[in-house]
Structure formats: structure tokens, C-alpha cells
Amino acid sequence: MGEERRSIAITFGVSLMVGFFVFGPLAKHGMTGSGKFMARPVPRLGHVQGRGAHARGGSYIQRPIVSAGCYGDASLCSALMRRGAHMSPKMSVGLYYSTSTGNTETVAGYIADKLGIEDWNDIGDVETDDVMAKDAIIIGAPTWHTGADEQRSGTSWDEWLYETLPSLDLSGKKIAIFGVGDSAGYGDNFCDATGELYDCFTAKGAKVFGMTPSDEGFDYVESKGVKDGKFVGKTFDEDNYADDSEGRVDAWVEQLKGEGFM
């Protein structure tokens, strides 16, 4: 009986050693005795690294990292990769304006709120690289130097258009233009600066979206912002038609989306 017990003990000890050396590494890498991979956090594409992973209430919270790894079976991995291949990154849209009295900034704020744009700034306060990094940009200006051939806004646009823009290549860049004017006080030069924005940006290869009928909304006499019977963008009049501005923004945003601007 003693010999039999000694044999059983030796067999049991050997089994423990085999289990430790064979199944220990497999368990460490996520393999169970059933031959299936254990559930483990799966990295997701596009997440910022380093947001942390914590145990809360006994459950593991995944730490997102940038990785293309997949720890499921072959069919699941294949399906996830096919799905990722068809997903397009969200377009980045910048909104840049200049202002003299604050009216153009007010309209810019309406547009930013409607589109959820966080990057909207005076053009004089932004780095050129930031502008160029955007897939599409919305630009807006007032008209201050009425009747002028150039530098019509009287703002930071004047310097940017003639000192910064000439060195840039905007081939294929999507732009949308808006202007703010006074149709009653300056009806002979209503939103003239929009025409200057159009001329300068298209000369560098930009593609304009969001042109609107020149006979909608306001009573004015003439505008350098009209090309081929249309405004080169959307016009606003905070002096005489301030109550209409938000509705005009809504209509213009829908038009831009329909044209594929964003």
C-alpha cells in the first residue's frame, strides 16, 4: 500500500510540473484548455494612446491604443478589417474670418455653432500650416474700403491675401465664402470683399462651393461679389436684417452639404 501511494504522489507531482511548463505560457497568451482564445481588450484603430486602463468593480476597462491588432478568430478579424477599409475619416473644416465692427464675427459664430466647428478664428491669428491642413475652409469678411480694387475688407485679410496666399498652392482645396455688408448704407458696394476673396483664392487653385442667387434677400444696387449672376458665397446684413442671419446660415449649410463640401 505504501509503495502504491508513493507512485501516485510521484505521478501527481510530474503532472503538476508538466501543467506548469506547458499550459502556463498558453494561458499567459490567452489560450484556455478548451482551445479558444480568452476575451482580452482589443485595440481599436484611431484611438489616442494613453487614456488608461483601470479595474472597476472587478471588470477590466480597455486601454485604447493605436494598433491594427485583432485577437478574434479569422472570420471576425476579416470582417472587422473589411469594415475599417470602408470607413472614411471625418473631414476637417476650418472657419476663418476678419471683422471691423464685430458683425462678421457674429455670423461666423452662427456658422460655427451650426456645423460644430471648434477651429474658428480671425485669419490674422492662425498659422498658415493650420489653414492648409484643413480639407475644406469657410472664409468670411466685411467690406470696409468700398469701391477699392483690392484690400476691400480693411482687416487682417488684406495682408493675408497679398503676402501669405501668393506662396501657397490651393489646388483642389474646397472653400466656401461668406460676406457681411450694409445693403442700405452701402448698396453700391454690397459685400464687395467676397469678390476679392473669390478672385484671390481661385487664382491659387481653390474650388468654390456655396454660390447663391444674387437677387435673394436684400435690396442693393451693385456688388463686386457677383459672378455670372450669382453671389460667390452667402451674404449677410447684420445692420438691417440681423434677424434673418441664423436662418440664412441654416439654408447655406444645407446647400453646402448637398454640394458635397463636407
Protein backbone atom coordinates (compact mmCIF):
# COMPACT_ATOMS: atom_id res chain seq x y z
CA MET A 1 0.00 0.00 0.00
CA GLY A 2 2.92 2.38 0.85
CA GLU A 3 4.55 1.73 -2.50
CA GLU A 4 1.28 2.44 -4.32
CA ARG A 5 0.83 5.76 -2.51
CA ARG A 6 4.39 6.76 -3.29
CA SER A 7 3.78 6.04 -7.01
CA ILE A 8 0.60 8.11 -7.05
CA ALA A 9 2.39 11.03 -5.39
CA ILE A 10 5.22 10.92 -7.94
CA THR A 11 2.73 10.79 -10.83
CA PHE A 12 0.79 13.72 -9.40
CA GLY A 13 3.97 15.78 -8.96
CA VAL A 14 5.06 15.11 -12.53
CA SER A 15 1.61 16.15 -13.79
CA LEU A 16 1.82 19.44 -11.92
CA MET A 17 5.23 20.18 -13.43
CA VAL A 18 4.01 19.38 -16.96
CA GLY A 19 0.97 21.60 -16.47
CA PHE A 20 3.12 24.46 -15.23
CA PHE A 21 5.59 24.35 -18.11
CA VAL A 22 3.09 23.58 -20.90
CA PHE A 23 -0.20 25.25 -20.05
CA GLY A 24 1.22 28.22 -18.15
CA PRO A 25 2.60 30.02 -21.26
CA LEU A 26 -0.59 29.26 -23.21
CA ALA A 27 -2.76 30.76 -20.52
CA LYS A 28 -0.48 33.79 -20.42
CA HIS A 29 -1.10 34.37 -24.14
CA GLY A 30 -4.85 33.95 -23.87
CA MET A 31 -5.36 30.22 -24.63
CA THR A 32 -7.60 28.09 -22.44
CA GLY A 33 -7.82 24.33 -22.16
CA SER A 34 -10.84 24.39 -24.49
CA GLY A 35 -8.68 25.57 -27.37
CA LYS A 36 -10.38 29.01 -27.59
CA PHE A 37 -8.84 32.39 -27.05
CA MET A 38 -9.85 34.14 -23.87
CA ALA A 39 -11.51 37.53 -24.15
CA ARG A 40 -8.97 40.31 -23.85
CA PRO A 41 -9.01 44.04 -24.62
CA VAL A 42 -8.98 44.58 -28.38
CA PRO A 43 -7.17 47.71 -29.55
CA ARG A 44 -9.27 49.93 -31.80
CA LEU A 45 -7.99 51.92 -34.71
CA GLY A 46 -7.92 55.68 -34.35
CA HIS A 47 -7.95 55.96 -30.55
CA VAL A 48 -5.38 58.11 -28.83
CA GLN A 49 -2.82 56.16 -26.89
CA GLY A 50 -2.56 56.51 -23.17
CA ARG A 51 -6.05 57.19 -21.82
CA GLY A 52 -5.51 54.46 -19.26
CA ALA A 53 -6.94 51.13 -18.24
CA HIS A 54 -8.42 50.53 -14.82
CA ALA A 55 -10.17 47.79 -12.92
CA ARG A 56 -13.55 48.99 -11.76
CA GLY A 57 -15.91 46.77 -9.85
CA GLY A 58 -13.96 43.70 -10.83
CA SER A 59 -14.20 44.35 -14.60
CA TYR A 60 -11.35 45.38 -16.87
CA ILE A 61 -11.61 48.65 -18.78
CA GLN A 62 -9.80 48.57 -22.11
CA ARG A 63 -6.87 50.88 -22.69
CA PRO A 64 -7.25 52.17 -26.26
CA ILE A 65 -4.08 52.17 -28.33
CA VAL A 66 -3.26 52.73 -31.96
CA SER A 67 -2.93 49.28 -33.40
CA ALA A 68 -4.30 47.12 -36.17
CA GLY A 69 -4.19 44.00 -33.98
CA CYS A 70 -7.10 41.57 -33.82
CA TYR A 71 -7.41 38.78 -31.28
CA GLY A 72 -10.60 37.10 -32.50
CA ASP A 73 -10.95 34.17 -34.87
CA ALA A 74 -10.08 34.54 -38.57
CA SER A 75 -13.60 35.34 -39.77
CA LEU A 76 -14.14 38.03 -37.13
CA CYS A 77 -10.80 39.68 -37.86
CA SER A 78 -11.52 39.64 -41.58
CA ALA A 79 -14.93 41.24 -41.08
CA LEU A 80 -13.52 43.97 -38.84
CA MET A 81 -10.74 44.79 -41.28
CA ARG A 82 -13.19 44.96 -44.21
CA ARG A 83 -15.38 47.32 -42.22
CA GLY A 84 -12.42 49.54 -41.38
CA ALA A 85 -11.35 49.67 -45.01
CA HIS A 86 -14.67 51.26 -45.98
CA MET A 87 -14.72 53.84 -43.19
CA SER A 88 -13.55 57.34 -44.17
CA PRO A 89 -12.06 59.74 -41.64
CA LYS A 90 -14.20 62.75 -40.83
CA MET A 91 -13.35 65.80 -42.92
CA SER A 92 -11.68 68.65 -41.10
CA VAL A 93 -13.30 72.04 -41.73
CA GLY A 94 -11.75 75.36 -40.71
CA LEU A 95 -13.58 78.66 -40.39
CA TYR A 96 -11.61 81.89 -40.77
CA TYR A 97 -12.88 85.44 -40.82
CA SER A 98 -11.90 89.02 -40.14
CA THR A 99 -14.02 91.76 -38.65
CA SER A 100 -14.15 95.52 -38.10
CA THR A 101 -17.33 96.13 -36.12
CA GLY A 102 -17.94 92.57 -34.88
CA ASN A 103 -20.74 91.75 -37.35
CA THR A 104 -18.67 89.28 -39.35
CA GLU A 105 -17.57 87.54 -36.16
CA THR A 106 -21.22 87.24 -35.13
CA VAL A 107 -22.13 85.48 -38.38
CA ALA A 108 -19.02 83.31 -38.14
CA GLY A 109 -20.25 82.22 -34.72
CA TYR A 110 -23.62 81.19 -36.17
CA ILE A 111 -21.88 79.09 -38.82
CA ALA A 112 -19.51 77.51 -36.32
CA ASP A 113 -22.38 76.58 -34.00
CA LYS A 114 -24.39 75.07 -36.83
CA LEU A 115 -21.51 72.92 -38.05
CA GLY A 116 -19.92 72.19 -34.68
CA ILE A 117 -16.65 73.76 -35.78
CA GLU A 118 -14.25 74.41 -32.92
CA ASP A 119 -11.43 75.85 -35.03
CA TRP A 120 -12.78 79.28 -35.99
CA ASN A 121 -10.51 82.27 -35.68
CA ASP A 122 -9.55 85.62 -37.12
CA ILE A 123 -7.32 84.90 -40.11
CA GLY A 124 -4.67 87.15 -38.59
CA ASP A 125 -4.40 84.87 -35.54
CA VAL A 126 -3.82 81.50 -37.22
CA GLU A 127 -0.77 79.70 -38.54
CA THR A 128 -0.67 79.06 -42.27
CA ASP A 129 0.01 75.36 -41.68
CA ASP A 130 -3.23 75.10 -39.71
CA VAL A 131 -5.19 76.52 -42.62
CA MET A 132 -3.51 74.26 -45.14
CA ALA A 133 -4.14 71.18 -43.00
CA LYS A 134 -7.91 71.52 -43.38
CA ASP A 135 -9.80 69.54 -46.00
CA ALA A 136 -12.18 72.45 -46.50
CA ILE A 137 -12.28 76.04 -45.29
CA ILE A 138 -15.01 78.62 -44.86
CA ILE A 139 -13.84 82.22 -45.20
CA GLY A 140 -15.67 85.44 -44.45
CA ALA A 141 -15.03 89.18 -44.49
CA PRO A 142 -16.74 92.54 -44.19
CA THR A 143 -16.42 95.28 -46.82
CA TRP A 144 -14.80 98.43 -45.47
CA HIS A 145 -12.89 100.07 -48.32
CA THR A 146 -15.90 100.42 -50.60
CA GLY A 147 -15.11 100.79 -54.27
CA ALA A 148 -11.46 99.72 -53.87
CA ASP A 149 -9.85 97.40 -56.40
CA GLU A 150 -8.15 95.42 -53.64
CA GLN A 151 -7.78 95.28 -49.85
CA ARG A 152 -11.51 95.89 -49.63
CA SER A 153 -12.09 94.40 -46.18
CA GLY A 154 -9.87 96.81 -44.25
CA THR A 155 -8.94 93.91 -41.95
CA SER A 156 -6.24 91.27 -41.50
CA TRP A 157 -7.44 89.65 -44.72
CA ASP A 158 -5.73 92.45 -46.68
CA GLU A 159 -2.28 91.40 -45.51
CA TRP A 160 -3.01 87.65 -45.69
CA LEU A 161 -4.33 87.74 -49.26
CA TYR A 162 -1.36 89.64 -50.68
CA GLU A 163 1.54 88.49 -48.52
CA THR A 164 0.71 84.93 -47.42
CA LEU A 165 -1.61 83.49 -50.04
CA PRO A 166 0.66 84.06 -53.10
CA SER A 167 3.15 81.47 -51.82
CA LEU A 168 0.51 78.76 -51.28
CA ASP A 169 -0.86 76.07 -53.59
CA LEU A 170 -4.58 75.56 -53.01
CA SER A 171 -5.19 73.26 -55.97
CA GLY A 172 -8.40 71.34 -55.31
CA LYS A 173 -8.90 72.88 -51.85
CA LYS A 174 -12.59 73.32 -51.04
CA ILE A 175 -13.62 76.78 -49.96
CA ALA A 176 -16.92 78.49 -49.14
CA ILE A 177 -17.21 82.26 -48.88
CA PHE A 178 -19.48 84.50 -46.84
CA GLY A 179 -19.63 88.26 -46.58
CA VAL A 180 -21.27 90.78 -44.29
CA GLY A 181 -22.34 94.19 -45.58
CA ASP A 182 -24.78 97.07 -45.26
CA SER A 183 -27.26 96.94 -48.12
CA ALA A 184 -28.93 100.21 -47.11
CA GLY A 185 -25.90 102.38 -46.33
CA TYR A 186 -23.52 100.93 -48.93
CA GLY A 187 -25.81 99.45 -51.55
CA ASP A 188 -23.43 100.37 -54.39
CA ASN A 189 -20.69 98.15 -52.96
CA PHE A 190 -22.59 95.46 -51.09
CA CYS A 191 -20.25 92.70 -49.85
CA ASP A 192 -17.56 93.69 -52.37
CA ALA A 193 -14.88 91.89 -50.34
CA THR A 194 -16.41 88.49 -51.17
CA GLY A 195 -15.42 89.05 -54.79
CA GLU A 196 -11.85 89.73 -53.73
CA LEU A 197 -11.72 86.54 -51.68
CA TYR A 198 -13.07 84.64 -54.66
CA ASP A 199 -10.53 86.09 -57.10
CA CYS A 200 -7.52 85.56 -54.85
CA PHE A 201 -8.36 82.02 -53.75
CA THR A 202 -9.41 80.70 -57.17
CA ALA A 203 -6.22 82.14 -58.65
CA LYS A 204 -4.36 79.71 -56.39
CA GLY A 205 -6.46 76.73 -57.47
CA ALA A 206 -9.21 76.62 -54.83
CA LYS A 207 -12.64 75.22 -55.73
CA VAL A 208 -15.60 77.34 -54.60
CA PHE A 209 -18.81 75.87 -53.14
CA GLY A 210 -21.99 77.51 -51.90
CA MET A 211 -22.63 80.22 -54.51
CA THR A 212 -26.11 81.74 -54.14
CA PRO A 213 -28.59 83.73 -56.26
CA SER A 214 -27.72 87.43 -56.41
CA ASP A 215 -31.35 88.53 -56.17
CA GLU A 216 -32.26 86.89 -52.86
CA GLY A 217 -32.59 88.57 -49.52
CA PHE A 218 -31.53 92.18 -49.86
CA ASP A 219 -32.17 95.38 -51.80
CA TYR A 220 -28.83 96.63 -53.05
CA VAL A 221 -27.53 98.29 -56.21
CA GLU A 222 -24.29 96.55 -57.13
CA SER A 223 -21.69 94.15 -55.78
CA LYS A 224 -18.24 93.01 -56.86
CA GLY A 225 -19.16 89.74 -55.19
CA VAL A 226 -21.44 88.73 -58.05
CA LYS A 227 -20.01 86.39 -60.71
CA ASP A 228 -22.13 85.14 -63.62
CA GLY A 229 -25.35 86.24 -61.93
CA LYS A 230 -24.59 84.69 -58.54
CA PHE A 231 -23.01 85.77 -55.31
CA VAL A 232 -19.71 83.92 -54.88
CA GLY A 233 -20.99 82.80 -51.48
CA LYS A 234 -23.56 83.71 -48.87
CA THR A 235 -24.23 87.34 -47.94
CA PHE A 236 -25.47 88.73 -44.64
CA ASP A 237 -26.59 92.14 -43.40
CA GLU A 238 -26.37 92.49 -39.63
CA ASP A 239 -27.19 96.19 -39.79
CA ASN A 240 -30.59 95.87 -41.43
CA TYR A 241 -31.53 92.17 -41.45
CA ALA A 242 -29.93 90.73 -38.30
CA ASP A 243 -33.00 88.61 -37.53
CA ASP A 244 -32.58 86.75 -40.82
CA SER A 245 -28.94 85.74 -40.33
CA GLU A 246 -29.38 82.47 -38.48
CA GLY A 247 -32.00 81.25 -40.95
CA ARG A 248 -29.70 82.16 -43.84
CA VAL A 249 -26.90 80.21 -42.17
CA ASP A 250 -29.14 77.14 -41.84
CA ALA A 251 -30.08 77.26 -45.53
CA TRP A 252 -26.48 77.76 -46.63
CA VAL A 253 -25.16 74.91 -44.52
CA GLU A 254 -27.72 72.56 -46.05
CA GLN A 255 -26.69 73.74 -49.51
CA LEU A 256 -23.01 73.11 -48.76
CA LYS A 257 -23.76 69.61 -47.53
CA GLY A 258 -25.81 68.92 -50.65
CA GLU A 259 -22.93 70.09 -52.85
CA GLY A 260 -20.50 67.74 -51.11
CA PHE A 261 -18.50 70.46 -49.45
CA MET A 262 -18.28 68.36 -46.26
